[in-house]
Amino acid sequence: MNDLKPHKLRMWLHSKDPEFTERVNEIIELYVNTPRDETVICVD
């Protein structure tokens, strides 16, 4: 049997990009304040 334990997986988002926080905030702003008559689509 496999030793897979997905419930024990721990992840943390980290980037070495010095502008990471600024870029994330721009994306979050789109979600929170979507411009009128616009659609925001997220693709992972």
PDB file of N, CA and C in Angstrom:
ATOM      1  N   MET A   1       0.842  -1.185   0.000  1.00  0.00           N
ATOM      2  CA  MET A   1       0.000   0.000   0.000  1.00  0.00           C
ATOM      3  C   MET A   1       0.889   1.251   0.000  1.00  0.00           C
ATOM      4  N   ASN A   2       0.383   2.317  -0.571  1.00  0.00           N
ATOM      5  CA  ASN A   2       1.133   3.573  -0.653  1.00  0.00           C
ATOM      6  C   ASN A   2       1.187   4.291   0.690  1.00  0.00           C
ATOM      7  N   ASP A   3       2.225   5.077   0.843  1.00  0.00           N
ATOM      8  CA  ASP A   3       2.364   5.875   2.058  1.00  0.00           C
ATOM      9  C   ASP A   3       1.875   7.310   1.845  1.00  0.00           C
ATOM     10  N   LEU A   4       0.937   7.501   0.964  1.00  0.00           N
ATOM     11  CA  LEU A   4       0.425   8.837   0.685  1.00  0.00           C
ATOM     12  C   LEU A   4      -0.454   9.321   1.831  1.00  0.00           C
ATOM     13  N   LYS A   5      -0.223  10.553   2.255  1.00  0.00           N
ATOM     14  CA  LYS A   5      -1.019  11.145   3.333  1.00  0.00           C
ATOM     15  C   LYS A   5      -1.321  12.603   2.970  1.00  0.00           C
ATOM     16  N   PRO A   6      -2.211  12.816   1.997  1.00  0.00           N
ATOM     17  CA  PRO A   6      -2.485  14.179   1.561  1.00  0.00           C
ATOM     18  C   PRO A   6      -3.015  15.083   2.670  1.00  0.00           C
ATOM     19  N   HIS A   7      -3.668  14.513   3.658  1.00  0.00           N
ATOM     20  CA  HIS A   7      -4.178  15.308   4.768  1.00  0.00           C
ATOM     21  C   HIS A   7      -3.045  15.874   5.636  1.00  0.00           C
ATOM     22  N   LYS A   8      -1.840  15.376   5.455  1.00  0.00           N
ATOM     23  CA  LYS A   8      -0.709  15.864   6.240  1.00  0.00           C
ATOM     24  C   LYS A   8       0.195  16.800   5.437  1.00  0.00           C
ATOM     25  N   LEU A   9      -0.227  17.104   4.232  1.00  0.00           N
ATOM     26  CA  LEU A   9       0.555  17.995   3.386  1.00  0.00           C
ATOM     27  C   LEU A   9       0.447  19.428   3.893  1.00  0.00           C
ATOM     28  N   ARG A  10       1.572  20.082   3.968  1.00  0.00           N
ATOM     29  CA  ARG A  10       1.584  21.459   4.425  1.00  0.00           C
ATOM     30  C   ARG A  10       2.296  22.295   3.370  1.00  0.00           C
ATOM     31  N   MET A  11       1.640  23.342   2.932  1.00  0.00           N
ATOM     32  CA  MET A  11       2.217  24.179   1.883  1.00  0.00           C
ATOM     33  C   MET A  11       2.254  25.640   2.327  1.00  0.00           C
ATOM     34  N   TRP A  12       3.161  26.367   1.722  1.00  0.00           N
ATOM     35  CA  TRP A  12       3.256  27.790   1.988  1.00  0.00           C
ATOM     36  C   TRP A  12       3.666  28.469   0.695  1.00  0.00           C
ATOM     37  N   LEU A  13       2.957  29.496   0.332  1.00  0.00           N
ATOM     38  CA  LEU A  13       3.269  30.230  -0.879  1.00  0.00           C
ATOM     39  C   LEU A  13       4.418  31.187  -0.588  1.00  0.00           C
ATOM     40  N   HIS A  14       5.464  31.075  -1.375  1.00  0.00           N
ATOM     41  CA  HIS A  14       6.629  31.927  -1.175  1.00  0.00           C
ATOM     42  C   HIS A  14       7.232  32.260  -2.532  1.00  0.00           C
ATOM     43  N   SER A  15       7.665  33.476  -2.677  1.00  0.00           N
ATOM     44  CA  SER A  15       8.298  33.893  -3.926  1.00  0.00           C
ATOM     45  C   SER A  15       9.491  34.773  -3.592  1.00  0.00           C
ATOM     46  N   LYS A  16      10.520  34.647  -4.384  1.00  0.00           N
ATOM     47  CA  LYS A  16      11.707  35.486  -4.199  1.00  0.00           C
ATOM     48  C   LYS A  16      11.584  36.802  -4.957  1.00  0.00           C
ATOM     49  N   ASP A  17      10.489  36.965  -5.674  1.00  0.00           N
ATOM     50  CA  ASP A  17      10.251  38.184  -6.427  1.00  0.00           C
ATOM     51  C   ASP A  17      10.069  39.355  -5.458  1.00  0.00           C
ATOM     52  N   PRO A  18      10.889  40.400  -5.561  1.00  0.00           N
ATOM     53  CA  PRO A  18      10.771  41.530  -4.639  1.00  0.00           C
ATOM     54  C   PRO A  18       9.449  42.296  -4.795  1.00  0.00           C
ATOM     55  N   GLU A  19       8.776  42.117  -5.915  1.00  0.00           N
ATOM     56  CA  GLU A  19       7.502  42.806  -6.154  1.00  0.00           C
ATOM     57  C   GLU A  19       6.298  41.873  -5.934  1.00  0.00           C
ATOM     58  N   PHE A  20       6.532  40.740  -5.320  1.00  0.00           N
ATOM     59  CA  PHE A  20       5.482  39.739  -5.147  1.00  0.00           C
ATOM     60  C   PHE A  20       4.255  40.303  -4.428  1.00  0.00           C
ATOM     61  N   THR A  21       4.463  40.935  -3.305  1.00  0.00           N
ATOM     62  CA  THR A  21       3.342  41.457  -2.519  1.00  0.00           C
ATOM     63  C   THR A  21       2.546  42.476  -3.316  1.00  0.00           C
ATOM     64  N   GLU A  22       3.229  43.351  -3.995  1.00  0.00           N
ATOM     65  CA  GLU A  22       2.547  44.367  -4.810  1.00  0.00           C
ATOM     66  C   GLU A  22       1.705  43.706  -5.910  1.00  0.00           C
ATOM     67  N   ARG A  23       2.254  42.702  -6.552  1.00  0.00           N
ATOM     68  CA  ARG A  23       1.537  42.004  -7.623  1.00  0.00           C
ATOM     69  C   ARG A  23       0.327  41.248  -7.092  1.00  0.00           C
ATOM     70  N   VAL A  24       0.497  40.604  -5.957  1.00  0.00           N
ATOM     71  CA  VAL A  24      -0.627  39.884  -5.345  1.00  0.00           C
ATOM     72  C   VAL A  24      -1.744  40.868  -4.996  1.00  0.00           C
ATOM     73  N   ASN A  25      -1.376  41.996  -4.442  1.00  0.00           N
ATOM     74  CA  ASN A  25      -2.376  42.992  -4.068  1.00  0.00           C
ATOM     75  C   ASN A  25      -3.144  43.510  -5.280  1.00  0.00           C
ATOM     76  N   GLU A  26      -2.493  43.626  -6.421  1.00  0.00           N
ATOM     77  CA  GLU A  26      -3.178  44.055  -7.646  1.00  0.00           C
ATOM     78  C   GLU A  26      -4.234  43.029  -8.055  1.00  0.00           C
ATOM     79  N   ILE A  27      -3.886  41.767  -7.944  1.00  0.00           N
ATOM     80  CA  ILE A  27      -4.830  40.705  -8.299  1.00  0.00           C
ATOM     81  C   ILE A  27      -6.005  40.682  -7.322  1.00  0.00           C
ATOM     82  N   ILE A  28      -5.704  40.777  -6.048  1.00  0.00           N
ATOM     83  CA  ILE A  28      -6.757  40.765  -5.031  1.00  0.00           C
ATOM     84  C   ILE A  28      -7.696  41.951  -5.235  1.00  0.00           C
ATOM     85  N   GLU A  29      -7.148  43.072  -5.583  1.00  0.00           N
ATOM     86  CA  GLU A  29      -7.969  44.263  -5.835  1.00  0.00           C
ATOM     87  C   GLU A  29      -8.984  43.994  -6.947  1.00  0.00           C
ATOM     88  N   LEU A  30      -8.578  43.264  -7.975  1.00  0.00           N
ATOM     89  CA  LEU A  30      -9.514  42.912  -9.054  1.00  0.00           C
ATOM     90  C   LEU A  30     -10.663  42.049  -8.538  1.00  0.00           C
ATOM     91  N   TYR A  31     -10.355  41.113  -7.661  1.00  0.00           N
ATOM     92  CA  TYR A  31     -11.404  40.252  -7.107  1.00  0.00           C
ATOM     93  C   TYR A  31     -12.360  41.037  -6.215  1.00  0.00           C
ATOM     94  N   VAL A  32     -11.802  41.882  -5.403  1.00  0.00           N
ATOM     95  CA  VAL A  32     -12.613  42.616  -4.427  1.00  0.00           C
ATOM     96  C   VAL A  32     -13.409  43.736  -5.097  1.00  0.00           C
ATOM     97  N   ASN A  33     -12.791  44.438  -6.026  1.00  0.00           N
ATOM     98  CA  ASN A  33     -13.431  45.580  -6.684  1.00  0.00           C
ATOM     99  C   ASN A  33     -13.408  45.405  -8.198  1.00  0.00           C
ATOM    100  N   THR A  34     -14.149  44.421  -8.663  1.00  0.00           N
ATOM    101  CA  THR A  34     -14.215  44.172 -10.100  1.00  0.00           C
ATOM    102  C   THR A  34     -14.832  45.387 -10.784  1.00  0.00           C
ATOM    103  N   PRO A  35     -14.169  45.894 -11.822  1.00  0.00           N
ATOM    104  CA  PRO A  35     -14.728  47.051 -12.541  1.00  0.00           C
ATOM    105  C   PRO A  35     -16.111  46.722 -13.103  1.00  0.00           C
ATOM    106  N   ARG A  36     -16.959  47.725 -13.125  1.00  0.00           N
ATOM    107  CA  ARG A  36     -18.317  47.556 -13.629  1.00  0.00           C
ATOM    108  C   ARG A  36     -18.270  47.085 -15.081  1.00  0.00           C
ATOM    109  N   ASP A  37     -19.164  46.204 -15.425  1.00  0.00           N
ATOM    110  CA  ASP A  37     -19.241  45.653 -16.792  1.00  0.00           C
ATOM    111  C   ASP A  37     -17.994  44.886 -17.199  1.00  0.00           C
ATOM    112  N   GLU A  38     -17.282  44.345 -16.239  1.00  0.00           N
ATOM    113  CA  GLU A  38     -16.085  43.534 -16.525  1.00  0.00           C
ATOM    114  C   GLU A  38     -16.253  42.173 -15.864  1.00  0.00           C
ATOM    115  N   THR A  39     -15.519  41.204 -16.375  1.00  0.00           N
ATOM    116  CA  THR A  39     -15.512  39.866 -15.795  1.00  0.00           C
ATOM    117  C   THR A  39     -14.074  39.484 -15.469  1.00  0.00           C
ATOM    118  N   VAL A  40     -13.876  38.959 -14.284  1.00  0.00           N
ATOM    119  CA  VAL A  40     -12.551  38.503 -13.881  1.00  0.00           C
ATOM    120  C   VAL A  40     -12.557  36.983 -13.891  1.00  0.00           C
ATOM    121  N   ILE A  41     -11.601  36.401 -14.605  1.00  0.00           N
ATOM    122  CA  ILE A  41     -11.495  34.951 -14.685  1.00  0.00           C
ATOM    123  C   ILE A  41     -10.129  34.531 -14.152  1.00  0.00           C
ATOM    124  N   CYS A  42     -10.139  33.556 -13.266  1.00  0.00           N
ATOM    125  CA  CYS A  42      -8.899  33.051 -12.692  1.00  0.00           C
ATOM    126  C   CYS A  42      -8.642  31.641 -13.224  1.00  0.00           C
ATOM    127  N   VAL A  43      -7.433  31.399 -13.688  1.00  0.00           N
ATOM    128  CA  VAL A  43      -7.054  30.085 -14.174  1.00  0.00           C
ATOM    129  C   VAL A  43      -5.761  29.689 -13.478  1.00  0.00           C
ATOM    130  N   ASP A  44      -5.802  28.593 -12.778  1.00  0.00           N
ATOM    131  CA  ASP A  44      -4.602  28.111 -12.085  1.00  0.00           C
ATOM    132  C   ASP A  44      -3.935  27.051 -12.919  1.00  0.00           C
TER     133      ASP A  44
END
